[in-house]
N, C-alpha and C. Protein backbone atom coordinates (compact mmCIF):
# COMPACT_ATOMS: atom_id res chain seq x y z
N UNK A 1 0.86 -24.90 16.53
CA UNK A 1 -0.43 -25.00 17.20
C UNK A 1 -1.74 -24.95 16.09
N UNK A 2 -2.71 -25.81 16.09
CA UNK A 2 -3.48 -25.68 15.02
C UNK A 2 -4.37 -24.52 15.44
N UNK A 3 -5.12 -24.15 14.22
CA UNK A 3 -5.84 -22.84 14.67
C UNK A 3 -7.21 -23.29 15.69
N UNK A 4 -8.14 -24.87 15.12
CA UNK A 4 -8.73 -25.34 16.04
C UNK A 4 -8.30 -25.38 17.74
N UNK A 5 -7.06 -25.76 17.71
CA UNK A 5 -6.42 -25.72 19.15
C UNK A 5 -6.60 -24.35 19.72
N UNK A 6 -6.09 -23.28 18.99
CA UNK A 6 -5.93 -22.10 19.43
C UNK A 6 -7.46 -21.38 19.96
N UNK A 7 -8.49 -21.66 19.12
CA UNK A 7 -9.68 -21.41 19.30
C UNK A 7 -10.13 -22.14 20.67
N UNK A 8 -10.00 -23.32 21.04
CA UNK A 8 -10.35 -23.93 21.94
C UNK A 8 -9.80 -23.60 23.45
N UNK A 9 -8.44 -23.19 23.06
CA UNK A 9 -7.91 -22.36 24.28
C UNK A 9 -8.45 -21.17 24.66
N UNK A 10 -8.65 -20.34 23.92
CA UNK A 10 -9.27 -19.00 24.12
C UNK A 10 -10.63 -19.25 24.41
N UNK A 11 -11.56 -20.40 24.07
CA UNK A 11 -12.81 -20.36 24.26
C UNK A 11 -12.73 -20.67 26.22
N UNK A 12 -11.69 -21.64 26.40
CA UNK A 12 -11.67 -22.10 27.75
C UNK A 12 -11.25 -20.77 28.77
N UNK A 13 -10.34 -20.01 27.94
CA UNK A 13 -9.83 -18.97 29.00
C UNK A 13 -11.37 -18.05 29.38
N UNK A 14 -11.93 -17.80 28.30
CA UNK A 14 -13.03 -16.98 28.34
C UNK A 14 -14.02 -17.44 29.40
N UNK A 15 -14.53 -18.89 29.23
CA UNK A 15 -15.36 -19.28 30.24
C UNK A 15 -14.96 -19.20 31.67
N UNK A 16 -13.91 -19.56 31.94
CA UNK A 16 -13.13 -19.19 33.13
C UNK A 16 -13.07 -18.04 33.70
N UNK A 17 -12.88 -16.98 32.87
CA UNK A 17 -12.65 -15.75 33.14
C UNK A 17 -14.09 -15.11 33.31
N UNK A 18 -15.13 -15.51 32.55
CA UNK A 18 -16.73 -15.32 32.91
C UNK A 18 -17.13 -15.64 34.61
N UNK A 19 -16.19 -16.72 34.91
CA UNK A 19 -16.97 -17.36 36.01
C UNK A 19 -16.08 -16.82 37.62
N UNK A 20 -14.93 -16.45 37.02
CA UNK A 20 -13.89 -15.67 37.88
C UNK A 20 -14.46 -14.43 38.40
N UNK A 21 -14.14 -14.16 39.91
CA UNK A 21 -14.62 -12.99 40.55
C UNK A 21 -13.49 -12.85 41.59
N UNK A 22 -13.23 -11.39 42.04
CA UNK A 22 -12.35 -11.11 42.89
C UNK A 22 -12.22 -11.85 44.22
N UNK A 23 -13.70 -12.03 44.67
CA UNK A 23 -13.63 -12.76 46.12
C UNK A 23 -13.86 -14.11 45.67
N UNK A 24 -13.48 -14.86 44.90
CA UNK A 24 -13.53 -16.43 44.81
C UNK A 24 -12.89 -17.19 45.70
N UNK A 25 -11.49 -16.79 46.15
CA UNK A 25 -10.42 -17.50 46.74
C UNK A 25 -11.38 -17.49 48.10
N UNK A 26 -11.63 -16.44 48.61
CA UNK A 26 -12.32 -16.10 49.84
C UNK A 26 -13.72 -17.09 50.18
N UNK A 27 -14.26 -16.96 49.12
CA UNK A 27 -15.45 -17.52 49.10
C UNK A 27 -15.57 -19.17 48.91
N UNK A 28 -14.74 -19.62 48.24
CA UNK A 28 -14.28 -21.17 47.84
C UNK A 28 -12.75 -21.07 48.07
N UNK A 29 -12.21 -21.76 49.43
CA UNK A 29 -10.76 -21.57 49.85
C UNK A 29 -10.28 -22.87 48.73
N UNK A 30 -10.85 -23.76 48.49
CA UNK A 30 -10.39 -24.96 47.49
C UNK A 30 -9.98 -24.61 46.34
N UNK A 31 -10.48 -23.37 46.00
CA UNK A 31 -10.21 -22.84 44.60
C UNK A 31 -8.58 -22.63 44.40
N UNK A 32 -8.30 -22.99 43.34
CA UNK A 32 -6.89 -22.82 42.66
C UNK A 32 -6.77 -22.15 41.31
N UNK A 33 -6.28 -21.00 41.16
CA UNK A 33 -6.05 -20.62 39.75
C UNK A 33 -5.25 -21.53 38.98
N UNK A 34 -4.39 -22.23 39.39
CA UNK A 34 -3.36 -22.94 38.76
C UNK A 34 -4.09 -24.10 38.04
N UNK A 35 -5.44 -24.41 38.62
CA UNK A 35 -5.95 -25.54 38.14
C UNK A 35 -6.97 -24.90 37.02
N UNK A 36 -7.48 -23.83 37.14
CA UNK A 36 -8.21 -23.34 36.19
C UNK A 36 -7.21 -22.99 34.88
N UNK A 37 -5.69 -22.86 35.30
CA UNK A 37 -4.83 -22.47 34.00
C UNK A 37 -4.71 -23.85 33.31
N UNK A 38 -4.42 -24.94 34.30
CA UNK A 38 -4.16 -26.36 33.57
C UNK A 38 -5.25 -26.77 32.54
N UNK A 39 -6.90 -26.44 33.13
CA UNK A 39 -7.79 -26.94 32.28
C UNK A 39 -7.77 -26.13 30.77
N UNK A 40 -7.61 -24.93 31.01
CA UNK A 40 -7.63 -24.46 29.85
C UNK A 40 -6.41 -24.59 28.92
N UNK A 41 -5.54 -25.26 29.27
CA UNK A 41 -4.35 -25.66 28.66
C UNK A 41 -4.16 -27.13 28.04
N UNK A 42 -5.29 -28.01 28.82
CA UNK A 42 -5.33 -29.28 28.71
C UNK A 42 -5.35 -29.83 27.62
N UNK A 43 -5.79 -29.55 26.44
CA UNK A 43 -5.81 -29.84 25.28
C UNK A 43 -4.64 -29.11 24.25
N UNK A 44 -3.91 -28.46 24.85
CA UNK A 44 -2.69 -27.67 24.20
C UNK A 44 -1.60 -28.57 24.05
N UNK A 45 -0.61 -28.83 22.78
CA UNK A 45 0.44 -29.70 22.84
C UNK A 45 1.33 -29.02 23.91
N UNK A 46 2.09 -30.13 24.85
CA UNK A 46 3.24 -29.96 25.76
C UNK A 46 4.09 -28.99 24.80
N UNK A 47 4.32 -29.07 23.64
CA UNK A 47 5.62 -28.14 23.30
C UNK A 47 5.24 -26.67 23.07
N UNK A 48 3.72 -26.39 22.93
CA UNK A 48 3.25 -25.10 22.84
C UNK A 48 3.14 -24.50 23.97
N UNK A 49 2.92 -25.11 25.10
CA UNK A 49 2.73 -24.22 26.45
C UNK A 49 3.94 -23.68 27.27
N UNK A 50 4.33 -22.68 27.31
CA UNK A 50 5.38 -21.94 27.76
C UNK A 50 4.79 -21.12 29.09
N UNK A 51 6.13 -20.78 29.97
CA UNK A 51 5.61 -20.08 31.01
C UNK A 51 5.22 -18.70 30.64
N UNK A 52 5.62 -18.28 29.52
CA UNK A 52 4.58 -16.81 29.28
C UNK A 52 3.32 -17.29 29.01
N UNK A 53 2.71 -18.45 28.03
CA UNK A 53 1.43 -18.57 27.88
C UNK A 53 0.85 -18.85 29.22
N UNK A 54 1.28 -19.72 30.02
CA UNK A 54 0.46 -19.95 31.43
C UNK A 54 0.58 -18.77 32.06
N UNK A 55 1.39 -17.66 32.44
CA UNK A 55 1.45 -16.65 32.97
C UNK A 55 0.37 -15.86 32.32
N UNK A 56 0.33 -15.69 31.34
CA UNK A 56 -0.82 -14.81 30.63
C UNK A 56 -2.16 -15.03 30.42
N UNK A 57 -2.47 -16.48 30.38
CA UNK A 57 -3.63 -17.29 30.59
C UNK A 57 -4.42 -16.85 32.10
N UNK A 58 -3.33 -17.12 33.09
CA UNK A 58 -3.90 -16.69 34.30
C UNK A 58 -4.15 -15.35 34.51
N UNK A 59 -3.44 -14.23 33.81
CA UNK A 59 -3.71 -12.97 34.10
C UNK A 59 -5.18 -12.43 33.30
N UNK A 60 -5.34 -13.21 32.24
CA UNK A 60 -6.50 -12.92 31.42
C UNK A 60 -7.94 -13.23 32.04
N UNK A 61 -7.61 -14.44 32.91
CA UNK A 61 -8.45 -14.80 33.84
C UNK A 61 -8.87 -14.10 34.81
N UNK A 62 -7.84 -13.39 35.45
CA UNK A 62 -8.12 -12.15 36.34
C UNK A 62 -8.37 -10.91 35.88
N UNK A 63 -8.22 -10.69 34.89
CA UNK A 63 -8.40 -9.38 34.49
C UNK A 63 -8.55 -9.48 32.88
N UNK A 64 -9.64 -9.94 32.49
CA UNK A 64 -9.55 -10.03 31.04
C UNK A 64 -9.53 -8.75 30.09
N UNK A 65 -10.19 -7.75 30.69
CA UNK A 65 -9.97 -6.57 29.71
C UNK A 65 -8.40 -5.98 29.48
N UNK A 66 -7.55 -6.19 30.40
CA UNK A 66 -6.38 -5.59 30.46
C UNK A 66 -5.40 -6.56 29.47
N UNK A 67 -6.05 -7.94 29.40
CA UNK A 67 -5.05 -8.96 28.86
C UNK A 67 -5.25 -9.64 27.93
N UNK A 68 -6.46 -9.79 27.29
CA UNK A 68 -7.00 -10.79 26.34
C UNK A 68 -6.74 -10.34 25.03
N UNK A 69 -6.22 -8.90 24.82
CA UNK A 69 -5.63 -8.73 23.42
C UNK A 69 -4.42 -9.34 23.32
N UNK A 70 -3.58 -9.33 24.56
CA UNK A 70 -1.90 -9.80 24.61
C UNK A 70 -1.99 -11.21 24.24
N UNK A 71 -3.35 -12.06 24.93
CA UNK A 71 -3.11 -13.41 25.04
C UNK A 71 -4.01 -13.82 23.45
N UNK A 72 -4.70 -13.16 22.85
CA UNK A 72 -5.01 -13.36 21.75
C UNK A 72 -3.81 -13.37 20.46
N UNK A 73 -3.35 -12.31 20.61
CA UNK A 73 -2.13 -12.05 19.82
C UNK A 73 -1.28 -13.38 20.19
N UNK A 74 -0.66 -13.37 21.03
CA UNK A 74 0.26 -14.63 21.47
C UNK A 74 -0.34 -15.70 21.00
N UNK A 75 -1.47 -16.35 21.25
CA UNK A 75 -2.09 -17.64 20.82
C UNK A 75 -1.99 -17.46 19.44
N UNK A 76 -2.67 -16.63 18.72
CA UNK A 76 -2.89 -16.95 17.04
C UNK A 76 -1.31 -16.61 16.53
N UNK A 77 -0.64 -16.10 17.30
CA UNK A 77 0.57 -15.72 16.81
C UNK A 77 1.34 -17.31 16.61
N UNK A 78 0.83 -18.30 17.44
CA UNK A 78 1.41 -19.25 17.51
C UNK A 78 1.08 -20.71 16.24
N UNK A 79 -0.06 -19.73 15.74
CA UNK A 79 -0.79 -20.90 14.65
C UNK A 79 0.05 -20.56 13.35
N UNK A 80 0.35 -21.61 12.54
CA UNK A 80 1.05 -21.20 11.40
C UNK A 80 0.26 -20.78 10.36
N UNK A 81 0.89 -19.62 9.37
CA UNK A 81 -0.05 -19.16 8.56
C UNK A 81 -0.73 -20.12 7.54
N UNK A 82 -1.82 -20.09 7.38
CA UNK A 82 -2.40 -21.26 6.21
C UNK A 82 -1.82 -21.48 4.98
N UNK A 83 -1.56 -20.00 4.48
CA UNK A 83 -1.45 -19.95 3.03
C UNK A 83 0.51 -20.23 2.97
N UNK A 84 1.23 -20.46 3.93
CA UNK A 84 2.56 -20.73 4.18
C UNK A 84 2.91 -22.21 4.10
N UNK A 85 3.73 -22.46 3.16
CA UNK A 85 3.79 -24.01 2.78
C UNK A 85 4.61 -24.71 3.41
N UNK A 86 5.43 -23.72 4.32
CA UNK A 86 6.59 -24.24 5.54
C UNK A 86 5.79 -24.78 6.55
């Protein structure tokens, strides 16, 4: 994953997390968390999208305080070190 792609992914998760609130599904029955997760991952290369990443994106949307650190570590852990020639 490129650094720019990681940044976009985390920005999208932040955007959705800000708009999410616990009563959203009751207020908007058409709301689907999976659609928000899909949007967050829309520009992520298919090979970079794992079940773990999808789950952590969803958990971060629902409870950013509890999960943002783990999501950030996972996403930036997928970015190759710029100083590493391999």
